[in-house]
Amino acid sequence: MSDLNPLSKNFTIKSLLKFAFPTILMMIFMGLYTVVDTIFVARFVDINALSALNIVCPVINLIVGLGTMIATGGSAIVARKMGAGEQKRAEQDFTLIISVGILFGVLIAVFGTVFIDRIVWGLGANSILFPYCKEYLFILLLFTPASILQVLFQNLIVTAGRPGMGMVLGVSAGIVNILLDYIFMVPFHMGIKGAAFGTGIGYMIPAVIGLWFFSAKRGSLHFRKPVIDFSVLAESCSNGFSEMVSQAATAVTTFLFNRIMMKLLGENGVAAITIIIYTQFLLSALYIGFSMGVAPVISYNYGKQDEKQLKNVFAICMQFIVFVSVTVFAVAFIFGSPLVRVFAEKGTPVYEIARNGFLIFPFSFLFCGLNIFYLCHIYCIIKREAVSNFVVPADFRTDYSAVAYIAKYFGRNRGMACSTDSRANHYGCSIGFSSSEQREVSLRIKEDVHAVRRLIKKPLCGGKIIMRQNRI
């Protein structure tokens, strides 16, 4: 079987890039249609709707983080067992992982819609943004099972040796999303609800086709009656825990940014951050797609205990990541202003705030590619406990420290650098403030950071946290 499995070949630079190319293209296209979604909201609704996207972003981060945790962790287990020749067991584990993903999606959708008002107020929406946030988040929560399935299938279709199909699914979902965005927001004038329905229906494309594909037994993986094995679920979560931590840290940092921007610059500040974050996702898609594309190759050869091929693949990956990091940094730094103009009219407050940010945050791209690759793959092939002990505290501490302290030191001449930390875990952004505003920024962020730290230090089953509510 290994002779027929595309994961078992001896890869060169050309063949590895060819294998990962469909996944890279899929992620770039996903980044494009995500950005197009944001552009439609900015151009055909209003700035308040654009701000609302970022207010609810932490919830979406956590949903994506959950799906990615199960997907990357489960993909590593399935690919490793396939490499070890345990095909039946791999298919049973695969089916179990998909089933649990659907269950989590349904539970999140139910509880999220029931407590939608509390969630939106808790995220920091003011009275102006509340209706936008509630409409958008409520609709997206209904599509949570499809959203999680989309993430699962994007990873596991590659593990099944069909990266080309994963690309087709991603592109198809993107095209549907863009078309529906235009139809719902322009001719139908549905506003931010149109953006939510377009995105949600876009989630359905990979979910439905993925279910059909694995049911029809058209690849090296297919659905099989699962065996309930909690150790597999625990290992999946453990393997992919770094991805969940990464998304959780992004969610908390985004939440902190939104609170500060809302207080000091109102909806314009939040809109400017939204532009930077979504642009960053597009520019990072190359790293993410490559890491997803080569993950099954690394896991397969680890399961096969092929040390020579593992070293070969790892060396190729390092060369590619370093080259792309420098290239993406140059593109972001040189073309920052044109990228901002796509979202906001030149001369508007939102444009000026976001343009200032593009003078600093591109430096994060010099580091985040390596970080994404290491966390996505090395976590799965060395002692997970050792990596967790380093990654979990580092992810949170560096982000929080950056938000709380760097703002003070980059503050003169209206410059504030936020979250371009030593490892650039997630994203960097810089927003313009005066020196008097910076002091308030630092104070307010520190208060919220200390509150979050107290929550993290408490047991999950005990206690609760109440943050200051500053509804404007």
Protein backbone atom coordinates (compact mmCIF):
# COMPACT_ATOMS: atom_id res chain seq x y z
CA MET A 1 0.00 0.00 0.00
CA SER A 2 2.85 2.39 0.84
CA ASP A 3 4.00 2.22 -2.75
CA LEU A 4 0.64 3.58 -3.86
CA ASN A 5 0.27 6.17 -1.11
CA PRO A 6 1.40 9.64 -2.30
CA LEU A 7 2.67 10.36 1.22
CA SER A 8 5.30 7.62 0.94
CA LYS A 9 7.37 9.01 -1.93
CA ASN A 10 10.88 10.42 -1.54
CA PHE A 11 10.26 14.14 -1.79
CA THR A 12 12.46 16.75 -3.42
CA ILE A 13 11.95 20.51 -3.26
CA LYS A 14 9.95 20.40 -6.48
CA SER A 15 7.79 17.41 -5.57
CA LEU A 16 7.07 18.65 -2.02
CA LEU A 17 6.00 22.07 -3.26
CA LYS A 18 3.90 20.37 -5.94
CA PHE A 19 2.22 18.23 -3.28
CA ALA A 20 1.58 21.22 -0.99
CA PHE A 21 0.62 23.62 -3.81
CA PRO A 22 -3.12 22.80 -3.87
CA THR A 23 -3.36 23.44 -0.13
CA ILE A 24 -1.34 26.65 -0.45
CA LEU A 25 -3.58 27.83 -3.27
CA MET A 26 -6.67 26.87 -1.30
CA MET A 27 -5.56 28.92 1.72
CA ILE A 28 -4.59 31.90 -0.42
CA PHE A 29 -7.99 31.80 -2.07
CA MET A 30 -9.66 31.49 1.33
CA GLY A 31 -7.69 34.54 2.42
CA LEU A 32 -8.80 36.38 -0.69
CA TYR A 33 -12.48 35.66 -0.26
CA THR A 34 -12.25 36.51 3.45
CA VAL A 35 -10.75 39.87 2.53
CA VAL A 36 -13.33 40.35 -0.23
CA ASP A 37 -16.03 39.67 2.36
CA THR A 38 -14.58 42.46 4.49
CA ILE A 39 -14.30 44.81 1.51
CA PHE A 40 -17.98 44.27 0.64
CA VAL A 41 -18.95 45.13 4.21
CA ALA A 42 -16.76 48.24 4.23
CA ARG A 43 -17.93 49.47 0.83
CA PHE A 44 -21.59 48.42 0.68
CA VAL A 45 -22.67 48.63 4.33
CA ASP A 46 -20.71 51.06 6.52
CA ILE A 47 -17.77 51.46 8.89
CA ASN A 48 -19.87 50.37 11.87
CA ALA A 49 -20.53 47.03 10.18
CA LEU A 50 -16.79 46.67 9.53
CA SER A 51 -16.10 47.34 13.21
CA ALA A 52 -18.71 44.73 14.16
CA LEU A 53 -16.77 42.05 12.28
CA ASN A 54 -13.84 42.54 14.62
CA ILE A 55 -15.96 42.78 17.76
CA VAL A 56 -17.30 39.25 17.19
CA CYS A 57 -13.97 37.97 15.86
CA PRO A 58 -12.89 36.38 19.19
CA VAL A 59 -15.85 33.99 19.06
CA ILE A 60 -14.96 33.01 15.51
CA ASN A 61 -11.31 32.58 16.57
CA LEU A 62 -12.32 30.15 19.29
CA ILE A 63 -14.55 28.14 16.94
CA VAL A 64 -11.80 27.95 14.33
CA GLY A 65 -9.30 27.11 17.06
CA LEU A 66 -11.45 24.22 18.26
CA GLY A 67 -11.85 22.89 14.73
CA THR A 68 -8.15 23.31 13.96
CA MET A 69 -7.15 21.61 17.21
CA ILE A 70 -9.23 18.54 16.39
CA ALA A 71 -8.24 18.63 12.71
CA THR A 72 -4.46 18.95 13.07
CA GLY A 73 -4.28 16.65 16.06
CA GLY A 74 -6.54 14.08 14.44
CA SER A 75 -4.75 14.34 11.11
CA ALA A 76 -1.46 13.53 12.81
CA ILE A 77 -2.95 10.43 14.44
CA VAL A 78 -4.63 9.19 11.26
CA ALA A 79 -1.57 9.78 9.07
CA ARG A 80 0.72 8.14 11.62
CA LYS A 81 -1.44 5.01 11.79
CA MET A 82 -1.68 4.88 8.01
CA GLY A 83 2.09 5.05 7.85
CA ALA A 84 2.32 2.23 10.39
CA GLY A 85 -0.02 0.07 8.26
CA GLU A 86 -3.00 0.29 10.63
CA GLN A 87 -5.51 1.31 7.96
CA LYS A 88 -8.68 0.04 9.64
CA ARG A 89 -7.80 1.70 12.92
CA ALA A 90 -6.97 4.93 11.10
CA GLU A 91 -10.42 4.97 9.47
CA GLN A 92 -12.17 4.27 12.77
CA ASP A 93 -10.31 7.13 14.44
CA PHE A 94 -11.03 9.37 11.47
CA THR A 95 -14.78 8.75 11.73
CA LEU A 96 -14.71 9.31 15.48
CA ILE A 97 -12.94 12.65 15.03
CA ILE A 98 -15.48 13.84 12.44
CA SER A 99 -18.39 12.79 14.67
CA VAL A 100 -17.01 14.65 17.66
CA GLY A 101 -16.44 17.74 15.51
CA ILE A 102 -20.10 17.74 14.46
CA LEU A 103 -21.23 17.29 18.08
CA PHE A 104 -19.11 20.23 19.25
CA GLY A 105 -20.50 22.36 16.43
CA VAL A 106 -24.10 21.63 17.38
CA LEU A 107 -23.47 22.38 21.07
CA ILE A 108 -21.76 25.68 20.29
CA ALA A 109 -24.58 26.70 17.94
CA VAL A 110 -27.26 25.96 20.56
CA PHE A 111 -25.59 27.62 23.53
CA GLY A 112 -24.27 30.51 21.46
CA THR A 113 -27.66 31.48 20.08
CA VAL A 114 -29.35 31.14 23.48
CA PHE A 115 -26.87 33.49 25.15
CA ILE A 116 -26.23 35.73 22.14
CA ASP A 117 -27.01 39.02 23.93
CA ARG A 118 -24.67 38.32 26.83
CA ILE A 119 -21.92 37.26 24.46
CA VAL A 120 -22.14 40.40 22.32
CA TRP A 121 -22.18 42.78 25.30
CA GLY A 122 -19.32 40.82 26.87
CA LEU A 123 -17.25 41.21 23.72
CA GLY A 124 -17.34 44.99 24.17
CA ALA A 125 -19.99 46.13 21.70
CA ASN A 126 -21.53 49.52 22.39
CA SER A 127 -25.12 50.52 21.73
CA ILE A 128 -24.27 51.54 18.15
CA LEU A 129 -22.50 48.30 17.21
CA PHE A 130 -24.71 45.90 19.19
CA PRO A 131 -27.36 45.32 16.46
CA TYR A 132 -24.67 44.77 13.81
CA CYS A 133 -22.78 42.31 16.03
CA LYS A 134 -25.87 40.39 17.08
CA GLU A 135 -27.18 39.95 13.53
CA TYR A 136 -23.83 38.82 12.18
CA LEU A 137 -22.86 36.49 15.03
CA PHE A 138 -26.31 34.90 15.39
CA ILE A 139 -26.33 33.81 11.75
CA LEU A 140 -22.75 32.54 11.82
CA LEU A 141 -23.42 30.50 14.96
CA LEU A 142 -26.16 28.63 13.09
CA PHE A 143 -23.48 27.45 10.65
CA THR A 144 -20.99 26.38 13.35
CA PRO A 145 -21.20 22.62 12.56
CA ALA A 146 -20.46 23.35 8.89
CA SER A 147 -17.62 25.68 9.88
CA ILE A 148 -15.93 23.00 11.98
CA LEU A 149 -16.48 20.37 9.28
CA GLN A 150 -14.88 22.68 6.74
CA VAL A 151 -11.71 22.92 8.85
CA LEU A 152 -11.68 19.16 9.49
CA PHE A 153 -12.07 18.21 5.84
CA GLN A 154 -9.48 20.73 4.65
CA ASN A 155 -6.90 18.88 6.76
CA LEU A 156 -8.11 15.31 6.42
CA ILE A 157 -8.64 15.35 2.65
CA VAL A 158 -4.92 16.09 2.36
CA THR A 159 -4.22 13.18 4.71
CA ALA A 160 -6.32 11.01 2.39
CA GLY A 161 -3.85 11.85 -0.38
CA ARG A 162 -6.20 14.18 -2.29
CA PRO A 163 -4.81 17.71 -1.81
CA GLY A 164 -6.20 18.72 -5.21
CA MET A 165 -9.73 18.09 -4.02
CA GLY A 166 -9.11 20.18 -0.93
CA MET A 167 -8.13 23.03 -3.22
CA VAL A 168 -11.29 22.59 -5.30
CA LEU A 169 -13.43 22.68 -2.15
CA GLY A 170 -11.74 25.83 -0.89
CA VAL A 171 -12.01 27.60 -4.23
CA SER A 172 -15.65 26.56 -4.67
CA ALA A 173 -16.56 27.82 -1.21
CA GLY A 174 -14.78 31.09 -1.91
CA ILE A 175 -16.54 31.68 -5.21
CA VAL A 176 -19.94 30.94 -3.67
CA ASN A 177 -19.16 33.26 -0.76
CA ILE A 178 -18.12 36.15 -3.02
CA LEU A 179 -21.13 35.77 -5.32
CA LEU A 180 -23.59 35.56 -2.44
CA ASP A 181 -21.95 38.52 -0.70
CA TYR A 182 -22.56 40.62 -3.76
CA ILE A 183 -26.11 39.35 -4.30
CA PHE A 184 -27.17 39.71 -0.66
CA MET A 185 -25.51 43.07 0.01
CA VAL A 186 -25.90 44.94 -3.29
CA PRO A 187 -29.15 43.97 -5.11
CA PHE A 188 -30.95 42.62 -2.00
CA HIS A 189 -29.62 45.29 0.43
CA MET A 190 -29.42 42.80 3.30
CA GLY A 191 -26.53 44.61 4.97
CA ILE A 192 -24.36 42.72 7.41
CA LYS A 193 -26.88 39.84 7.47
CA GLY A 194 -26.05 39.26 3.81
CA ALA A 195 -22.36 38.95 4.66
CA ALA A 196 -23.15 36.42 7.39
CA PHE A 197 -25.39 34.30 5.13
CA GLY A 198 -22.82 34.40 2.33
CA THR A 199 -20.09 33.22 4.68
CA GLY A 200 -22.26 30.54 6.28
CA ILE A 201 -23.43 29.08 2.98
CA GLY A 202 -19.80 29.12 1.86
CA TYR A 203 -19.01 26.89 4.86
CA MET A 204 -21.62 24.41 3.65
CA ILE A 205 -19.86 23.67 0.35
CA PRO A 206 -16.77 21.86 1.76
CA ALA A 207 -18.87 20.32 4.55
CA VAL A 208 -21.45 18.69 2.27
CA ILE A 209 -18.98 17.63 -0.43
CA GLY A 210 -16.58 16.30 2.19
CA LEU A 211 -19.30 14.15 3.75
CA TRP A 212 -20.17 12.78 0.31
CA PHE A 213 -16.53 12.13 -0.61
CA PHE A 214 -15.67 10.14 2.49
CA SER A 215 -18.98 8.27 2.40
CA ALA A 216 -18.41 7.23 -1.23
CA LYS A 217 -15.03 5.63 -0.40
CA ARG A 218 -13.20 7.48 -3.18
CA GLY A 219 -9.88 7.97 -1.38
CA SER A 220 -7.47 6.16 0.91
CA LEU A 221 -9.72 7.15 3.82
CA HIS A 222 -13.45 6.63 4.25
CA PHE A 223 -16.05 6.46 6.99
CA ARG A 224 -16.13 3.30 9.06
CA LYS A 225 -18.10 2.47 12.20
CA PRO A 226 -16.08 4.24 14.88
CA VAL A 227 -14.79 2.80 18.11
CA ILE A 228 -15.35 5.14 21.04
CA ASP A 229 -11.81 5.67 22.27
CA PHE A 230 -11.35 8.63 24.59
CA SER A 231 -7.58 8.25 24.40
CA VAL A 232 -7.76 9.09 20.68
CA LEU A 233 -9.80 12.20 21.41
CA ALA A 234 -7.44 13.21 24.20
CA GLU A 235 -4.43 12.71 21.94
CA SER A 236 -6.09 14.67 19.14
CA CYS A 237 -6.68 17.59 21.48
CA SER A 238 -3.18 17.25 22.90
CA ASN A 239 -1.57 17.14 19.45
CA GLY A 240 -3.50 20.16 18.25
CA PHE A 241 -3.52 22.07 21.52
CA SER A 242 -0.92 24.58 20.35
CA GLU A 243 -3.27 25.65 17.54
CA MET A 244 -6.08 26.13 20.06
CA VAL A 245 -3.78 28.15 22.31
CA SER A 246 -2.72 30.25 19.35
CA GLN A 247 -6.33 31.02 18.41
CA ALA A 248 -7.30 31.65 22.04
CA ALA A 249 -4.43 34.08 22.50
CA THR A 250 -5.47 35.82 19.28
CA ALA A 251 -9.05 36.01 20.55
CA VAL A 252 -8.03 37.54 23.87
CA THR A 253 -5.62 39.99 22.24
CA THR A 254 -8.28 41.03 19.73
CA PHE A 255 -10.70 41.53 22.60
CA LEU A 256 -8.20 43.78 24.39
CA PHE A 257 -7.50 45.76 21.22
CA ASN A 258 -11.20 46.30 20.63
CA ARG A 259 -11.77 47.61 24.15
CA ILE A 260 -8.95 50.13 23.90
CA MET A 261 -9.77 51.26 20.38
CA MET A 262 -13.43 51.64 21.27
CA LYS A 263 -12.56 53.85 24.23
CA LEU A 264 -9.98 56.08 22.51
CA LEU A 265 -10.94 56.14 18.83
CA GLY A 266 -14.43 54.68 18.80
CA GLU A 267 -15.71 52.71 15.83
CA ASN A 268 -12.97 54.11 13.55
CA GLY A 269 -10.24 52.58 15.68
CA VAL A 270 -11.89 49.16 15.67
CA ALA A 271 -12.44 49.39 11.91
CA ALA A 272 -8.74 50.18 11.38
CA ILE A 273 -7.71 47.12 13.37
CA THR A 274 -10.15 45.04 11.33
CA ILE A 275 -8.45 46.12 8.12
CA ILE A 276 -5.02 45.19 9.47
CA ILE A 277 -6.09 41.83 10.87
CA TYR A 278 -7.86 40.65 7.73
CA THR A 279 -5.00 41.82 5.53
CA GLN A 280 -2.60 39.94 7.78
CA PHE A 281 -4.65 36.77 7.35
CA LEU A 282 -4.37 37.06 3.58
CA LEU A 283 -0.61 37.60 3.71
CA SER A 284 -0.16 34.70 6.16
CA ALA A 285 -2.19 32.29 4.04
CA LEU A 286 0.96 31.13 2.25
CA TYR A 287 2.54 29.97 5.52
CA ILE A 288 -0.63 28.33 6.76
CA GLY A 289 -1.34 26.56 3.49
CA PHE A 290 2.20 25.22 3.22
CA SER A 291 2.19 24.00 6.83
CA MET A 292 -1.17 22.26 6.32
CA GLY A 293 0.00 20.77 3.03
CA VAL A 294 3.18 19.17 4.35
CA ALA A 295 1.76 18.12 7.75
CA PRO A 296 0.53 14.69 6.54
CA VAL A 297 3.92 14.02 4.93
CA ILE A 298 5.74 14.66 8.21
CA SER A 299 3.24 12.66 10.27
CA TYR A 300 3.27 9.76 7.80
CA ASN A 301 7.06 9.48 7.79
CA TYR A 302 7.13 9.78 11.55
CA GLY A 303 4.72 6.86 11.80
CA LYS A 304 6.87 4.98 9.30
CA GLN A 305 9.99 5.82 11.34
CA ASP A 306 11.76 7.08 8.21
CA GLU A 307 14.29 9.42 9.83
CA LYS A 308 16.15 10.17 6.61
CA GLN A 309 13.03 11.36 4.80
CA LEU A 310 11.91 13.35 7.85
CA LYS A 311 15.17 15.30 7.88
CA ASN A 312 14.95 15.85 4.13
CA VAL A 313 11.39 17.20 4.29
CA PHE A 314 12.20 19.38 7.29
CA ALA A 315 15.19 20.97 5.53
CA ILE A 316 13.08 21.76 2.46
CA CYS A 317 10.41 23.32 4.67
CA MET A 318 12.91 25.56 6.44
CA GLN A 319 14.29 26.90 3.16
CA PHE A 320 10.82 27.64 1.82
CA ILE A 321 9.58 29.33 5.01
CA VAL A 322 12.60 31.64 5.29
CA PHE A 323 12.32 32.70 1.65
CA VAL A 324 8.59 33.37 1.90
CA SER A 325 8.99 35.27 5.20
CA VAL A 326 11.30 37.82 3.63
CA THR A 327 9.12 38.12 0.52
CA VAL A 328 5.88 38.66 2.44
CA PHE A 329 7.55 41.24 4.69
CA ALA A 330 8.71 43.21 1.66
CA VAL A 331 5.27 43.11 0.03
CA ALA A 332 3.48 44.23 3.21
CA PHE A 333 5.95 47.03 3.91
CA ILE A 334 6.07 48.43 0.38
CA PHE A 335 2.39 48.10 -0.55
CA GLY A 336 0.81 48.98 2.81
CA SER A 337 -0.95 52.15 1.63
CA PRO A 338 -2.51 50.59 -1.51
CA LEU A 339 -3.78 47.67 0.59
CA VAL A 340 -5.48 50.04 3.03
CA ARG A 341 -7.07 52.02 0.19
CA VAL A 342 -8.90 48.90 -0.92
CA PHE A 343 -10.92 49.06 2.32
CA ALA A 344 -11.11 52.76 3.16
CA GLU A 345 -11.13 56.00 1.19
CA LYS A 346 -7.89 57.95 1.31
CA GLY A 347 -8.04 60.83 3.75
CA THR A 348 -10.65 59.30 6.05
CA PRO A 349 -9.82 58.73 9.75
CA VAL A 350 -9.95 54.96 9.28
CA TYR A 351 -7.49 55.15 6.39
CA GLU A 352 -4.99 57.27 8.34
CA ILE A 353 -5.10 55.05 11.41
CA ALA A 354 -4.65 51.83 9.41
CA ARG A 355 -1.93 53.31 7.18
CA ASN A 356 0.16 54.20 10.25
CA GLY A 357 -0.18 50.60 11.38
CA PHE A 358 1.32 49.32 8.15
CA LEU A 359 4.59 51.09 8.96
CA ILE A 360 5.31 48.68 11.82
CA PHE A 361 3.35 45.43 11.82
CA PRO A 362 4.93 43.91 8.63
CA PHE A 363 8.04 43.10 10.68
CA SER A 364 6.04 40.31 12.34
CA PHE A 365 6.09 38.40 9.05
CA LEU A 366 9.83 37.82 9.46
CA PHE A 367 9.02 35.49 12.36
CA CYS A 368 5.46 34.19 12.16
CA GLY A 369 6.10 31.74 9.30
CA LEU A 370 8.62 29.75 11.33
CA ASN A 371 6.35 29.93 14.35
CA ILE A 372 3.37 28.57 12.44
CA PHE A 373 5.41 25.73 10.98
CA TYR A 374 7.02 24.72 14.28
CA LEU A 375 3.79 24.75 16.26
CA CYS A 376 1.90 22.89 13.55
CA HIS A 377 4.36 20.03 13.07
CA ILE A 378 7.12 19.71 15.65
CA TYR A 379 4.41 19.57 18.32
CA CYS A 380 3.20 16.31 16.81
CA ILE A 381 6.52 14.46 16.59
CA ILE A 382 8.36 15.26 19.82
CA LYS A 383 7.30 15.14 23.46
CA ARG A 384 4.02 17.01 23.56
CA GLU A 385 4.33 17.68 27.30
CA ALA A 386 7.63 19.51 26.87
CA VAL A 387 6.28 21.65 24.05
CA SER A 388 3.09 22.45 25.96
CA ASN A 389 5.05 23.62 28.98
CA PHE A 390 6.80 26.14 26.76
CA VAL A 391 4.14 27.11 24.23
CA VAL A 392 1.14 27.65 26.50
CA PRO A 393 2.67 30.23 28.86
CA ALA A 394 4.76 31.83 26.11
CA ASP A 395 1.79 32.35 23.79
CA PHE A 396 -0.16 34.25 26.40
CA ARG A 397 2.65 36.07 28.17
CA THR A 398 4.30 37.47 25.08
CA ASP A 399 1.04 38.74 23.62
CA TYR A 400 -0.14 40.28 26.87
CA SER A 401 3.24 41.82 27.63
CA ALA A 402 3.40 43.28 24.14
CA VAL A 403 -0.04 44.83 24.42
CA ALA A 404 0.53 46.14 27.93
CA TYR A 405 4.05 47.49 27.69
CA ILE A 406 5.26 48.03 24.12
CA ALA A 407 2.59 50.67 23.64
CA LYS A 408 4.43 53.00 26.01
CA TYR A 409 7.79 52.76 24.29
CA PHE A 410 6.60 53.23 20.72
CA GLY A 411 4.32 56.07 21.66
CA ARG A 412 6.10 59.23 20.60
CA ASN A 413 5.05 61.00 17.46
CA ARG A 414 1.71 59.18 17.47
CA GLY A 415 3.14 55.68 17.09
CA MET A 416 1.92 52.71 19.07
CA ALA A 417 3.08 49.18 18.28
CA CYS A 418 0.86 46.41 19.56
CA SER A 419 1.53 42.68 19.56
CA THR A 420 4.54 42.61 17.24
CA ASP A 421 6.17 40.46 19.88
CA SER A 422 9.43 38.51 19.91
CA ARG A 423 7.89 35.54 18.11
CA ALA A 424 5.05 37.34 16.32
CA ASN A 425 2.64 34.55 17.23
CA HIS A 426 -0.47 35.90 15.68
CA TYR A 427 -0.46 39.31 14.16
CA GLY A 428 1.04 42.73 14.68
CA CYS A 429 -0.58 46.06 14.38
CA SER A 430 0.20 49.65 15.15
CA ILE A 431 -2.28 52.38 15.74
CA GLY A 432 -1.63 56.11 16.06
CA PHE A 433 -2.15 57.82 19.38
CA SER A 434 -1.01 60.95 21.17
CA SER A 435 1.19 60.64 24.27
CA SER A 436 -1.70 61.42 26.63
CA GLU A 437 -3.79 58.68 25.01
CA GLN A 438 -0.93 56.20 25.33
CA ARG A 439 -0.94 56.46 29.11
CA GLU A 440 -4.62 55.60 29.17
CA VAL A 441 -4.01 52.78 26.70
CA SER A 442 -1.33 51.24 28.90
CA LEU A 443 -3.40 51.59 32.08
CA ARG A 444 -6.60 50.15 30.62
CA ILE A 445 -4.88 47.24 28.90
CA LYS A 446 -2.96 46.34 32.05
CA GLU A 447 -6.19 46.20 34.04
CA ASP A 448 -7.81 43.83 31.53
CA VAL A 449 -4.62 41.78 31.14
CA HIS A 450 -4.39 41.22 34.89
CA ALA A 451 -8.04 40.14 34.89
CA VAL A 452 -7.40 37.62 32.11
CA ARG A 453 -4.28 36.33 33.87
CA ARG A 454 -6.29 35.73 37.05
CA LEU A 455 -8.78 33.71 35.01
CA ILE A 456 -6.02 31.61 33.44
CA LYS A 457 -4.47 30.81 36.81
CA LYS A 458 -7.79 29.56 38.22
CA PRO A 459 -9.01 25.97 37.72
CA LEU A 460 -11.35 25.62 34.79
CA CYS A 461 -14.11 24.30 37.03
CA GLY A 462 -14.03 27.05 39.61
CA GLY A 463 -14.51 30.77 39.84
CA LYS A 464 -15.43 33.28 37.23
CA ILE A 465 -14.16 36.57 35.95
CA ILE A 466 -16.03 39.82 35.61
CA MET A 467 -14.30 42.44 33.49
CA ARG A 468 -15.13 46.09 33.69
CA GLN A 469 -17.95 46.95 31.35
CA ASN A 470 -17.40 50.11 29.37
CA ARG A 471 -20.38 50.37 27.11
CA ILE A 472 -20.23 53.62 25.24
